[in-house]
N, C-alpha and C. Protein backbone atom coordinates (compact mmCIF):
# COMPACT_ATOMS: atom_id res chain seq x y z
N MET A 1 31.59 -46.11 27.90
CA MET A 1 31.95 -47.38 28.53
C MET A 1 33.47 -47.60 28.53
N MET A 2 34.10 -47.42 27.36
CA MET A 2 35.53 -47.63 27.26
C MET A 2 36.30 -46.58 28.03
N ILE A 3 35.81 -45.34 28.04
CA ILE A 3 36.51 -44.27 28.75
C ILE A 3 36.50 -44.56 30.25
N PHE A 4 35.35 -45.01 30.76
CA PHE A 4 35.27 -45.37 32.18
C PHE A 4 36.22 -46.52 32.48
N ALA A 5 36.27 -47.52 31.61
CA ALA A 5 37.14 -48.66 31.83
C ALA A 5 38.60 -48.23 31.87
N MET A 6 38.99 -47.34 30.98
CA MET A 6 40.38 -46.88 30.96
C MET A 6 40.68 -46.01 32.17
N PHE A 7 39.69 -45.22 32.60
CA PHE A 7 39.85 -44.43 33.82
C PHE A 7 40.16 -45.35 35.00
N VAL A 8 39.41 -46.45 35.11
CA VAL A 8 39.61 -47.39 36.21
C VAL A 8 41.01 -48.00 36.17
N ILE A 9 41.49 -48.32 34.97
CA ILE A 9 42.82 -48.90 34.83
C ILE A 9 43.88 -47.93 35.35
N PHE A 10 43.82 -46.67 34.92
CA PHE A 10 44.81 -45.70 35.36
C PHE A 10 44.67 -45.39 36.85
N PHE A 11 43.43 -45.35 37.34
CA PHE A 11 43.18 -45.15 38.76
C PHE A 11 43.80 -46.28 39.56
N THR A 12 43.62 -47.51 39.09
CA THR A 12 44.17 -48.68 39.76
C THR A 12 45.69 -48.67 39.77
N ILE A 13 46.28 -48.19 38.68
CA ILE A 13 47.75 -48.12 38.61
C ILE A 13 48.29 -47.22 39.71
N VAL A 14 47.60 -46.11 39.99
CA VAL A 14 48.02 -45.22 41.09
C VAL A 14 47.91 -45.95 42.42
N MET A 15 46.77 -46.62 42.65
CA MET A 15 46.58 -47.33 43.91
C MET A 15 47.68 -48.38 44.12
N TYR A 16 48.03 -49.06 43.03
CA TYR A 16 49.03 -50.11 43.15
C TYR A 16 50.44 -49.54 43.27
N SER A 17 50.83 -48.70 42.32
CA SER A 17 52.22 -48.23 42.26
C SER A 17 52.59 -47.38 43.47
N ALA A 18 51.72 -46.45 43.84
CA ALA A 18 52.01 -45.61 45.00
C ALA A 18 51.77 -46.37 46.30
N GLY A 19 50.77 -47.25 46.30
CA GLY A 19 50.43 -47.97 47.52
C GLY A 19 51.39 -49.08 47.89
N ALA A 20 52.16 -49.59 46.93
CA ALA A 20 53.05 -50.71 47.20
C ALA A 20 54.08 -50.38 48.28
N ILE A 21 54.58 -49.16 48.25
CA ILE A 21 55.59 -48.75 49.25
C ILE A 21 54.97 -48.75 50.64
N PHE A 22 53.78 -48.15 50.76
CA PHE A 22 53.09 -48.12 52.06
C PHE A 22 52.78 -49.54 52.52
N TYR A 23 52.32 -50.37 51.60
CA TYR A 23 51.88 -51.72 51.97
C TYR A 23 53.06 -52.55 52.48
N CYS A 24 54.17 -52.49 51.77
CA CYS A 24 55.33 -53.29 52.18
C CYS A 24 55.93 -52.80 53.49
N SER A 25 56.12 -51.50 53.61
CA SER A 25 56.79 -50.97 54.79
C SER A 25 55.90 -50.91 56.02
N ASP A 26 54.61 -50.57 55.85
CA ASP A 26 53.75 -50.32 57.00
C ASP A 26 52.81 -51.47 57.35
N VAL A 27 52.35 -52.22 56.35
CA VAL A 27 51.43 -53.33 56.63
C VAL A 27 52.21 -54.63 56.79
N LEU A 28 53.09 -54.93 55.82
CA LEU A 28 53.89 -56.15 55.91
C LEU A 28 55.09 -55.99 56.83
N GLY A 29 55.48 -54.74 57.08
CA GLY A 29 56.59 -54.47 58.00
C GLY A 29 57.95 -54.79 57.44
N ASP A 30 58.09 -54.87 56.13
CA ASP A 30 59.38 -55.20 55.52
C ASP A 30 59.49 -54.51 54.16
N TYR A 31 60.18 -53.40 54.13
CA TYR A 31 60.31 -52.62 52.90
C TYR A 31 61.05 -53.40 51.80
N SER A 32 61.91 -54.35 52.22
CA SER A 32 62.68 -55.10 51.23
C SER A 32 61.79 -55.96 50.32
N LEU A 33 60.54 -56.17 50.73
CA LEU A 33 59.62 -56.94 49.89
C LEU A 33 59.15 -56.15 48.67
N TYR A 34 59.37 -54.84 48.71
CA TYR A 34 58.86 -53.98 47.63
C TYR A 34 59.42 -54.37 46.27
N THR A 35 60.73 -54.63 46.22
CA THR A 35 61.36 -54.92 44.92
C THR A 35 60.83 -56.20 44.28
N PRO A 36 60.84 -57.35 44.97
CA PRO A 36 60.32 -58.57 44.31
C PRO A 36 58.83 -58.49 44.01
N ILE A 37 58.07 -57.86 44.89
CA ILE A 37 56.63 -57.74 44.66
C ILE A 37 56.34 -56.87 43.44
N SER A 38 57.00 -55.73 43.35
CA SER A 38 56.78 -54.81 42.23
C SER A 38 57.30 -55.40 40.93
N ASN A 39 58.46 -56.05 40.99
CA ASN A 39 59.03 -56.62 39.77
C ASN A 39 58.16 -57.75 39.22
N SER A 40 57.57 -58.54 40.10
CA SER A 40 56.72 -59.63 39.62
C SER A 40 55.52 -59.08 38.85
N PHE A 41 54.99 -57.96 39.29
CA PHE A 41 53.88 -57.32 38.58
C PHE A 41 54.35 -56.77 37.23
N SER A 42 55.44 -56.01 37.26
CA SER A 42 55.92 -55.34 36.04
C SER A 42 56.34 -56.33 34.96
N ILE A 43 57.06 -57.39 35.37
CA ILE A 43 57.52 -58.38 34.40
C ILE A 43 56.34 -59.11 33.77
N ALA A 44 55.36 -59.47 34.60
CA ALA A 44 54.18 -60.15 34.07
C ALA A 44 53.38 -59.24 33.14
N GLN A 45 53.24 -57.97 33.53
CA GLN A 45 52.50 -57.01 32.70
C GLN A 45 53.18 -56.81 31.36
N PHE A 46 54.50 -56.72 31.37
CA PHE A 46 55.24 -56.52 30.13
C PHE A 46 55.23 -57.79 29.28
N GLY A 47 55.43 -58.94 29.92
CA GLY A 47 55.51 -60.18 29.18
C GLY A 47 54.23 -60.58 28.48
N ILE A 48 53.09 -60.34 29.13
CA ILE A 48 51.80 -60.76 28.55
C ILE A 48 51.48 -59.99 27.27
N MET A 49 52.06 -58.80 27.12
CA MET A 49 51.77 -57.99 25.94
C MET A 49 52.25 -58.65 24.66
N PHE A 50 53.23 -59.57 24.76
CA PHE A 50 53.73 -60.25 23.57
C PHE A 50 52.76 -61.32 23.08
N VAL A 51 51.90 -61.82 23.95
CA VAL A 51 50.99 -62.89 23.55
C VAL A 51 49.53 -62.45 23.45
N THR A 52 49.21 -61.25 23.93
CA THR A 52 47.82 -60.80 23.84
C THR A 52 47.31 -60.73 22.40
N PRO A 53 48.15 -60.41 21.39
CA PRO A 53 47.62 -60.44 20.02
C PRO A 53 47.08 -61.81 19.62
N PHE A 54 47.70 -62.88 20.12
CA PHE A 54 47.22 -64.23 19.81
C PHE A 54 45.89 -64.51 20.49
N PHE A 55 45.76 -64.04 21.75
CA PHE A 55 44.49 -64.18 22.46
C PHE A 55 43.40 -63.38 21.76
N MET A 56 43.77 -62.20 21.26
CA MET A 56 42.80 -61.35 20.58
C MET A 56 42.28 -62.04 19.31
N MET A 57 43.18 -62.62 18.53
CA MET A 57 42.77 -63.30 17.30
C MET A 57 41.94 -64.54 17.60
N LYS A 58 42.24 -65.22 18.70
CA LYS A 58 41.54 -66.46 19.05
C LYS A 58 40.19 -66.19 19.70
N PHE A 59 40.16 -65.23 20.64
CA PHE A 59 38.96 -65.03 21.44
C PHE A 59 38.27 -63.68 21.23
N GLY A 60 38.96 -62.72 20.59
CA GLY A 60 38.39 -61.40 20.39
C GLY A 60 38.85 -60.42 21.47
N LYS A 61 38.70 -59.14 21.17
CA LYS A 61 39.17 -58.11 22.10
C LYS A 61 38.37 -58.11 23.40
N GLN A 62 37.04 -58.18 23.29
CA GLN A 62 36.20 -58.05 24.47
C GLN A 62 36.44 -59.18 25.47
N LYS A 63 36.52 -60.41 25.00
CA LYS A 63 36.73 -61.54 25.90
C LYS A 63 38.10 -61.47 26.55
N THR A 64 39.11 -61.10 25.77
CA THR A 64 40.46 -60.97 26.32
C THR A 64 40.50 -59.87 27.37
N TYR A 65 39.82 -58.77 27.08
CA TYR A 65 39.78 -57.63 28.00
C TYR A 65 39.09 -58.02 29.31
N VAL A 66 37.92 -58.64 29.21
CA VAL A 66 37.15 -59.00 30.40
C VAL A 66 37.88 -60.04 31.24
N VAL A 67 38.45 -61.05 30.60
CA VAL A 67 39.19 -62.07 31.34
C VAL A 67 40.40 -61.45 32.03
N GLY A 68 41.06 -60.51 31.34
CA GLY A 68 42.19 -59.81 31.95
C GLY A 68 41.77 -59.05 33.20
N LEU A 69 40.66 -58.32 33.10
CA LEU A 69 40.16 -57.58 34.26
C LEU A 69 39.79 -58.51 35.41
N MET A 70 39.14 -59.62 35.09
CA MET A 70 38.76 -60.56 36.14
C MET A 70 39.98 -61.17 36.82
N ALA A 71 41.00 -61.51 36.02
CA ALA A 71 42.23 -62.06 36.58
C ALA A 71 42.89 -61.06 37.52
N SER A 72 42.90 -59.80 37.09
CA SER A 72 43.48 -58.75 37.91
C SER A 72 42.70 -58.56 39.21
N ALA A 73 41.37 -58.56 39.12
CA ALA A 73 40.53 -58.40 40.31
C ALA A 73 40.79 -59.53 41.31
N ILE A 74 40.91 -60.75 40.81
CA ILE A 74 41.20 -61.90 41.68
C ILE A 74 42.56 -61.73 42.33
N GLY A 75 43.54 -61.25 41.54
CA GLY A 75 44.88 -61.03 42.07
C GLY A 75 44.90 -60.01 43.19
N PHE A 76 44.18 -58.91 43.00
CA PHE A 76 44.12 -57.87 44.03
C PHE A 76 43.45 -58.39 45.30
N ALA A 77 42.33 -59.07 45.14
CA ALA A 77 41.61 -59.58 46.30
C ALA A 77 42.43 -60.64 47.04
N ALA A 78 43.05 -61.55 46.29
CA ALA A 78 43.84 -62.61 46.91
C ALA A 78 45.03 -62.04 47.68
N ALA A 79 45.64 -60.98 47.16
CA ALA A 79 46.79 -60.36 47.82
C ALA A 79 46.42 -59.83 49.20
N GLY A 80 45.16 -59.47 49.37
CA GLY A 80 44.71 -58.98 50.66
C GLY A 80 44.50 -60.08 51.67
N LEU A 81 44.61 -61.33 51.24
CA LEU A 81 44.31 -62.47 52.12
C LEU A 81 45.53 -63.31 52.48
N VAL A 82 46.64 -63.10 51.77
CA VAL A 82 47.78 -64.02 51.93
C VAL A 82 48.81 -63.52 52.93
N GLY A 83 48.59 -62.37 53.54
CA GLY A 83 49.53 -61.86 54.54
C GLY A 83 50.88 -61.51 53.95
N ALA A 84 51.95 -61.87 54.67
CA ALA A 84 53.30 -61.49 54.25
C ALA A 84 54.03 -62.63 53.55
N ASN A 85 53.31 -63.63 53.09
CA ASN A 85 53.93 -64.75 52.37
C ASN A 85 54.42 -64.26 51.00
N LEU A 86 55.73 -64.14 50.88
CA LEU A 86 56.31 -63.53 49.67
C LEU A 86 55.95 -64.29 48.41
N VAL A 87 56.02 -65.62 48.45
CA VAL A 87 55.74 -66.42 47.25
C VAL A 87 54.30 -66.20 46.80
N LEU A 88 53.35 -66.25 47.75
CA LEU A 88 51.95 -66.05 47.38
C LEU A 88 51.70 -64.62 46.91
N LEU A 89 52.36 -63.66 47.54
CA LEU A 89 52.21 -62.27 47.10
C LEU A 89 52.72 -62.08 45.68
N MET A 90 53.83 -62.72 45.36
CA MET A 90 54.38 -62.62 44.00
C MET A 90 53.45 -63.29 42.99
N ILE A 91 52.85 -64.42 43.37
CA ILE A 91 51.90 -65.08 42.49
C ILE A 91 50.70 -64.17 42.24
N CYS A 92 50.21 -63.55 43.31
CA CYS A 92 49.08 -62.61 43.17
C CYS A 92 49.45 -61.45 42.25
N ASN A 93 50.68 -60.95 42.39
CA ASN A 93 51.10 -59.82 41.58
C ASN A 93 51.32 -60.21 40.12
N VAL A 94 51.75 -61.43 39.89
CA VAL A 94 51.84 -61.92 38.51
C VAL A 94 50.45 -61.94 37.89
N LEU A 95 49.48 -62.40 38.67
CA LEU A 95 48.09 -62.43 38.18
C LEU A 95 47.58 -61.03 37.89
N LYS A 96 47.89 -60.08 38.79
CA LYS A 96 47.51 -58.68 38.55
C LYS A 96 48.15 -58.17 37.27
N GLY A 97 49.47 -58.41 37.15
CA GLY A 97 50.19 -57.90 35.99
C GLY A 97 49.69 -58.47 34.68
N ILE A 98 49.42 -59.79 34.67
CA ILE A 98 48.87 -60.42 33.47
C ILE A 98 47.53 -59.81 33.11
N GLY A 99 46.68 -59.61 34.14
CA GLY A 99 45.35 -59.05 33.89
C GLY A 99 45.39 -57.64 33.37
N ILE A 100 46.17 -56.79 34.04
CA ILE A 100 46.26 -55.38 33.62
C ILE A 100 46.91 -55.27 32.25
N GLY A 101 47.95 -56.08 32.02
CA GLY A 101 48.64 -56.05 30.73
C GLY A 101 47.74 -56.50 29.59
N ALA A 102 46.97 -57.57 29.81
CA ALA A 102 46.07 -58.06 28.78
C ALA A 102 44.96 -57.06 28.48
N ALA A 103 44.39 -56.49 29.54
CA ALA A 103 43.34 -55.49 29.34
C ALA A 103 43.89 -54.24 28.66
N GLY A 104 45.04 -53.79 29.11
CA GLY A 104 45.65 -52.60 28.51
C GLY A 104 45.99 -52.79 27.05
N GLY A 105 46.41 -54.03 26.70
CA GLY A 105 46.75 -54.30 25.31
C GLY A 105 45.55 -54.27 24.39
N MET A 106 44.36 -54.50 24.92
CA MET A 106 43.14 -54.48 24.13
C MET A 106 42.48 -53.09 24.08
N ALA A 107 42.76 -52.27 25.08
CA ALA A 107 42.00 -51.03 25.27
C ALA A 107 42.06 -50.09 24.07
N PHE A 108 43.25 -49.89 23.52
CA PHE A 108 43.39 -48.92 22.43
C PHE A 108 42.65 -49.40 21.17
N GLY A 109 42.72 -50.69 20.91
CA GLY A 109 41.99 -51.23 19.76
C GLY A 109 40.49 -51.13 19.94
N MET A 110 40.03 -51.31 21.18
CA MET A 110 38.59 -51.22 21.45
C MET A 110 38.10 -49.79 21.34
N VAL A 111 38.94 -48.83 21.75
CA VAL A 111 38.57 -47.42 21.56
C VAL A 111 38.47 -47.10 20.08
N ALA A 112 39.42 -47.61 19.29
CA ALA A 112 39.39 -47.38 17.83
C ALA A 112 38.12 -47.98 17.22
N ASP A 113 37.73 -49.16 17.68
CA ASP A 113 36.51 -49.78 17.17
C ASP A 113 35.28 -48.95 17.54
N THR A 114 35.29 -48.38 18.73
CA THR A 114 34.18 -47.54 19.17
C THR A 114 34.05 -46.31 18.28
N LEU A 115 35.18 -45.73 17.90
CA LEU A 115 35.16 -44.56 17.03
C LEU A 115 34.67 -44.93 15.62
N ASP A 116 35.11 -46.11 15.14
CA ASP A 116 34.64 -46.57 13.83
C ASP A 116 33.13 -46.81 13.86
N TYR A 117 32.66 -47.34 14.97
CA TYR A 117 31.21 -47.55 15.12
C TYR A 117 30.47 -46.22 15.07
N GLY A 118 31.05 -45.20 15.72
CA GLY A 118 30.43 -43.87 15.69
C GLY A 118 30.38 -43.31 14.29
N GLU A 119 31.45 -43.52 13.53
CA GLU A 119 31.46 -43.05 12.14
C GLU A 119 30.44 -43.80 11.31
N TRP A 120 30.34 -45.10 11.51
CA TRP A 120 29.39 -45.92 10.76
C TRP A 120 27.95 -45.52 11.08
N LYS A 121 27.68 -45.24 12.32
CA LYS A 121 26.32 -44.94 12.76
C LYS A 121 25.91 -43.51 12.40
N ASP A 122 26.81 -42.54 12.62
CA ASP A 122 26.44 -41.12 12.48
C ASP A 122 26.98 -40.47 11.21
N GLY A 123 27.91 -41.16 10.54
CA GLY A 123 28.47 -40.60 9.32
C GLY A 123 29.52 -39.53 9.57
N ILE A 124 29.97 -39.40 10.81
CA ILE A 124 30.97 -38.38 11.15
C ILE A 124 32.20 -39.08 11.71
N LYS A 125 33.36 -38.81 11.12
CA LYS A 125 34.61 -39.41 11.59
C LYS A 125 35.19 -38.52 12.69
N PRO A 126 35.22 -38.99 13.92
CA PRO A 126 35.70 -38.16 15.03
C PRO A 126 37.23 -38.12 15.09
N ILE A 127 37.82 -37.39 14.17
CA ILE A 127 39.28 -37.32 14.09
C ILE A 127 39.86 -36.76 15.39
N GLY A 128 40.84 -37.45 15.96
CA GLY A 128 41.50 -36.98 17.17
C GLY A 128 40.77 -37.31 18.45
N MET A 129 39.53 -37.80 18.34
CA MET A 129 38.76 -38.07 19.55
C MET A 129 39.34 -39.23 20.35
N GLY A 130 39.91 -40.20 19.65
CA GLY A 130 40.46 -41.36 20.35
C GLY A 130 41.59 -40.96 21.29
N ASN A 131 42.57 -40.23 20.74
CA ASN A 131 43.69 -39.79 21.57
C ASN A 131 43.25 -38.86 22.68
N ALA A 132 42.28 -37.99 22.37
CA ALA A 132 41.78 -37.05 23.37
C ALA A 132 41.08 -37.79 24.51
N ALA A 133 40.29 -38.80 24.15
CA ALA A 133 39.56 -39.57 25.17
C ALA A 133 40.53 -40.36 26.05
N ILE A 134 41.52 -40.98 25.43
CA ILE A 134 42.50 -41.75 26.18
C ILE A 134 43.29 -40.83 27.11
N SER A 135 43.69 -39.67 26.59
CA SER A 135 44.43 -38.71 27.41
C SER A 135 43.61 -38.22 28.59
N ALA A 136 42.32 -37.96 28.35
CA ALA A 136 41.44 -37.50 29.43
C ALA A 136 41.28 -38.57 30.49
N ALA A 137 41.09 -39.83 30.06
CA ALA A 137 40.94 -40.93 31.01
C ALA A 137 42.21 -41.11 31.84
N GLN A 138 43.36 -40.96 31.18
CA GLN A 138 44.63 -41.10 31.88
C GLN A 138 44.81 -39.99 32.91
N LYS A 139 44.57 -38.75 32.51
CA LYS A 139 44.77 -37.63 33.44
C LYS A 139 43.80 -37.71 34.62
N LEU A 140 42.54 -38.04 34.33
CA LEU A 140 41.55 -38.15 35.40
C LEU A 140 41.88 -39.31 36.34
N GLY A 141 42.23 -40.45 35.76
CA GLY A 141 42.53 -41.63 36.57
C GLY A 141 43.73 -41.39 37.48
N LEU A 142 44.80 -40.83 36.92
CA LEU A 142 46.00 -40.58 37.71
C LEU A 142 45.78 -39.47 38.73
N GLY A 143 45.09 -38.41 38.30
CA GLY A 143 44.87 -37.28 39.21
C GLY A 143 43.93 -37.62 40.35
N ILE A 144 42.78 -38.18 40.02
CA ILE A 144 41.81 -38.54 41.06
C ILE A 144 42.36 -39.65 41.94
N GLY A 145 43.12 -40.56 41.35
CA GLY A 145 43.72 -41.63 42.12
C GLY A 145 44.61 -41.10 43.24
N GLN A 146 45.42 -40.10 42.94
CA GLN A 146 46.30 -39.52 43.95
C GLN A 146 45.50 -38.83 45.05
N VAL A 147 44.43 -38.15 44.66
CA VAL A 147 43.59 -37.47 45.65
C VAL A 147 42.92 -38.49 46.57
N VAL A 148 42.36 -39.54 45.98
CA VAL A 148 41.68 -40.57 46.76
C VAL A 148 42.65 -41.28 47.69
N LEU A 149 43.84 -41.59 47.19
CA LEU A 149 44.84 -42.26 48.02
C LEU A 149 45.17 -41.40 49.24
N GLY A 150 45.40 -40.12 49.03
CA GLY A 150 45.70 -39.22 50.14
C GLY A 150 44.56 -39.12 51.12
N ALA A 151 43.33 -39.09 50.60
CA ALA A 151 42.15 -38.98 51.46
C ALA A 151 42.00 -40.22 52.33
N ILE A 152 42.21 -41.40 51.74
CA ILE A 152 42.08 -42.65 52.50
C ILE A 152 43.14 -42.73 53.59
N LEU A 153 44.37 -42.31 53.27
CA LEU A 153 45.42 -42.29 54.28
C LEU A 153 45.06 -41.36 55.43
N SER A 154 44.51 -40.20 55.09
CA SER A 154 44.11 -39.22 56.11
C SER A 154 42.99 -39.78 57.00
N ILE A 155 41.99 -40.39 56.37
CA ILE A 155 40.88 -40.96 57.13
C ILE A 155 41.37 -42.07 58.06
N GLY A 156 42.34 -42.84 57.59
CA GLY A 156 42.88 -43.93 58.39
C GLY A 156 43.81 -43.49 59.49
N GLY A 157 44.16 -42.20 59.51
CA GLY A 157 45.04 -41.69 60.56
C GLY A 157 46.51 -42.00 60.32
N TYR A 158 46.90 -42.10 59.05
CA TYR A 158 48.31 -42.38 58.75
C TYR A 158 49.20 -41.23 59.22
N ASP A 159 50.30 -41.58 59.86
CA ASP A 159 51.27 -40.60 60.35
C ASP A 159 52.65 -41.04 59.93
N GLY A 160 53.22 -40.34 58.96
CA GLY A 160 54.51 -40.72 58.41
C GLY A 160 55.65 -40.65 59.40
N SER A 161 55.47 -39.94 60.53
CA SER A 161 56.54 -39.81 61.51
C SER A 161 56.62 -41.03 62.44
N LEU A 162 55.62 -41.90 62.39
CA LEU A 162 55.59 -43.06 63.28
C LEU A 162 56.34 -44.24 62.68
N ALA A 163 57.07 -44.95 63.50
CA ALA A 163 57.78 -46.15 63.04
C ALA A 163 56.80 -47.28 62.77
N VAL A 164 55.75 -47.33 63.58
CA VAL A 164 54.71 -48.35 63.42
C VAL A 164 53.36 -47.66 63.32
N GLN A 165 52.62 -47.95 62.27
CA GLN A 165 51.33 -47.29 62.05
C GLN A 165 50.23 -47.93 62.89
N SER A 166 49.18 -47.16 63.13
CA SER A 166 48.03 -47.66 63.87
C SER A 166 47.30 -48.72 63.04
N ASP A 167 46.46 -49.51 63.71
CA ASP A 167 45.68 -50.53 63.00
C ASP A 167 44.77 -49.91 61.95
N SER A 168 44.20 -48.75 62.27
CA SER A 168 43.30 -48.09 61.31
C SER A 168 44.06 -47.64 60.06
N ALA A 169 45.30 -47.20 60.24
CA ALA A 169 46.11 -46.78 59.09
C ALA A 169 46.46 -48.00 58.23
N LYS A 170 46.78 -49.12 58.88
CA LYS A 170 47.10 -50.34 58.13
C LYS A 170 45.89 -50.83 57.35
N ILE A 171 44.72 -50.74 57.95
CA ILE A 171 43.49 -51.14 57.26
C ILE A 171 43.25 -50.25 56.04
N ALA A 172 43.49 -48.94 56.23
CA ALA A 172 43.31 -47.98 55.12
C ALA A 172 44.26 -48.30 53.97
N ILE A 173 45.51 -48.61 54.29
CA ILE A 173 46.50 -48.93 53.26
C ILE A 173 46.10 -50.20 52.52
N SER A 174 45.71 -51.21 53.28
CA SER A 174 45.28 -52.46 52.66
C SER A 174 44.05 -52.25 51.78
N PHE A 175 43.17 -51.35 52.19
CA PHE A 175 41.96 -51.08 51.41
C PHE A 175 42.30 -50.49 50.05
N PHE A 176 43.14 -49.44 50.03
CA PHE A 176 43.40 -48.82 48.73
C PHE A 176 44.40 -49.61 47.90
N TYR A 177 45.18 -50.48 48.53
CA TYR A 177 46.15 -51.26 47.76
C TYR A 177 45.54 -52.55 47.20
N ASN A 178 44.65 -53.16 47.98
CA ASN A 178 44.08 -54.44 47.57
C ASN A 178 42.61 -54.38 47.20
N TRP A 179 41.80 -53.92 48.13
CA TRP A 179 40.36 -54.10 48.01
C TRP A 179 39.68 -53.10 47.09
N LEU A 180 40.09 -51.84 47.12
CA LEU A 180 39.49 -50.86 46.22
C LEU A 180 39.76 -51.20 44.76
N PRO A 181 41.01 -51.52 44.37
CA PRO A 181 41.24 -51.96 42.99
C PRO A 181 40.44 -53.21 42.62
N ALA A 182 40.36 -54.18 43.55
CA ALA A 182 39.61 -55.41 43.27
C ALA A 182 38.15 -55.10 42.98
N ILE A 183 37.57 -54.22 43.78
CA ILE A 183 36.16 -53.86 43.60
C ILE A 183 35.94 -53.14 42.28
N LEU A 184 36.76 -52.12 42.02
CA LEU A 184 36.57 -51.30 40.81
C LEU A 184 36.83 -52.10 39.54
N VAL A 185 37.89 -52.89 39.54
CA VAL A 185 38.23 -53.68 38.35
C VAL A 185 37.17 -54.76 38.13
N GLY A 186 36.68 -55.37 39.22
CA GLY A 186 35.63 -56.36 39.09
C GLY A 186 34.35 -55.79 38.51
N ILE A 187 33.96 -54.60 39.01
CA ILE A 187 32.76 -53.93 38.49
C ILE A 187 32.93 -53.60 37.01
N THR A 188 34.14 -53.12 36.65
CA THR A 188 34.41 -52.77 35.25
C THR A 188 34.32 -54.00 34.35
N ALA A 189 34.82 -55.14 34.84
CA ALA A 189 34.73 -56.39 34.05
C ALA A 189 33.27 -56.74 33.79
N ILE A 190 32.42 -56.58 34.80
CA ILE A 190 30.99 -56.87 34.62
C ILE A 190 30.37 -55.91 33.61
N ILE A 191 30.71 -54.63 33.72
CA ILE A 191 30.18 -53.64 32.77
C ILE A 191 30.60 -53.96 31.34
N MET A 192 31.85 -54.38 31.18
CA MET A 192 32.37 -54.63 29.84
C MET A 192 31.80 -55.88 29.20
N LEU A 193 31.06 -56.67 29.96
CA LEU A 193 30.35 -57.80 29.35
C LEU A 193 29.31 -57.31 28.35
N ALA A 194 28.89 -56.05 28.51
CA ALA A 194 27.88 -55.49 27.60
C ALA A 194 28.49 -54.98 26.30
N TYR A 195 29.82 -54.99 26.20
CA TYR A 195 30.50 -54.53 24.97
C TYR A 195 30.34 -55.61 23.90
N LYS A 196 29.66 -55.27 22.81
CA LYS A 196 29.32 -56.27 21.79
C LYS A 196 29.88 -55.96 20.41
N LEU A 197 30.81 -55.03 20.32
CA LEU A 197 31.25 -54.59 19.00
C LEU A 197 32.12 -55.62 18.26
N ASP A 198 32.75 -56.52 18.98
CA ASP A 198 33.64 -57.48 18.31
C ASP A 198 32.95 -58.20 17.15
N LYS A 199 31.74 -58.65 17.38
CA LYS A 199 31.03 -59.40 16.35
C LYS A 199 30.56 -58.51 15.21
N GLU A 200 30.35 -57.23 15.50
CA GLU A 200 29.81 -56.33 14.49
C GLU A 200 30.87 -55.65 13.64
N MET A 201 32.12 -55.62 14.14
CA MET A 201 33.14 -54.82 13.46
C MET A 201 33.47 -55.26 12.04
N PRO A 202 33.52 -56.56 11.71
CA PRO A 202 33.80 -56.91 10.31
C PRO A 202 32.77 -56.30 9.35
N ARG A 203 31.49 -56.36 9.71
CA ARG A 203 30.45 -55.78 8.86
C ARG A 203 30.57 -54.26 8.82
N ILE A 204 30.86 -53.64 9.94
CA ILE A 204 30.99 -52.18 10.01
C ILE A 204 32.16 -51.71 9.16
N HIS A 205 33.30 -52.40 9.28
CA HIS A 205 34.48 -52.02 8.49
C HIS A 205 34.22 -52.20 7.00
N GLU A 206 33.51 -53.25 6.65
CA GLU A 206 33.18 -53.49 5.24
C GLU A 206 32.28 -52.38 4.69
N GLU A 207 31.28 -51.99 5.46
CA GLU A 207 30.37 -50.93 5.00
C GLU A 207 31.08 -49.58 4.94
N LEU A 208 31.98 -49.32 5.89
CA LEU A 208 32.73 -48.06 5.85
C LEU A 208 33.62 -48.02 4.62
N GLU A 209 34.20 -49.15 4.27
CA GLU A 209 35.08 -49.21 3.10
C GLU A 209 34.26 -48.99 1.82
N GLN A 210 33.07 -49.55 1.79
CA GLN A 210 32.17 -49.37 0.64
C GLN A 210 31.79 -47.90 0.48
N ARG A 211 31.53 -47.22 1.57
CA ARG A 211 31.19 -45.80 1.51
C ARG A 211 32.34 -44.97 0.96
N LYS A 212 33.57 -45.34 1.35
CA LYS A 212 34.71 -44.58 0.89
C LYS A 212 34.95 -44.78 -0.61
N ASN A 213 34.56 -45.94 -1.12
CA ASN A 213 34.81 -46.24 -2.53
C ASN A 213 33.72 -45.75 -3.47
N LYS A 214 32.67 -45.18 -2.88
CA LYS A 214 31.57 -44.68 -3.73
C LYS A 214 31.96 -43.34 -4.35
């Protein structure tokens, strides 16, 4: 569950980071929008990481993670509806950045809890599995994301030599920049509602500590 969720995050990062240039220049028709739009996302993503520990202590990792994903999904979907309105696009990107940053800040701790749960249940400590799983999710998300982005551009008939892209190419760009991330992140948020370890971890950690002291 967590590996799939992290895969989606990295996949979405490719759709957003690589797609922003296409979206600004070819769909919005103004490349100069790229800087404020991208900066609003990055600043929000970075800034939220300073307060996510407080949200985690107040609401738990799972709730913070799911709310972050939902906020991001809303941001992606809304960005596809506001046209070239820079203020609204920046607001949408702040929402995306807050969501991705909050979810990302919880992900590593949730993977660690999953590994502790595995040790508690099976009696085997999966040393190195956490880093390996995160690395695999990152490589798959980034790699497959690039392939999918290229495929969608090809299907849409994107032609880099044209000053103005066809309507089908613009639809393809909007799909992978806005709607595909919104769909995937939204589905992941629903899946993560089934993550129930937050309530069990105090007892699991206590029992693991007792085993070590025997």
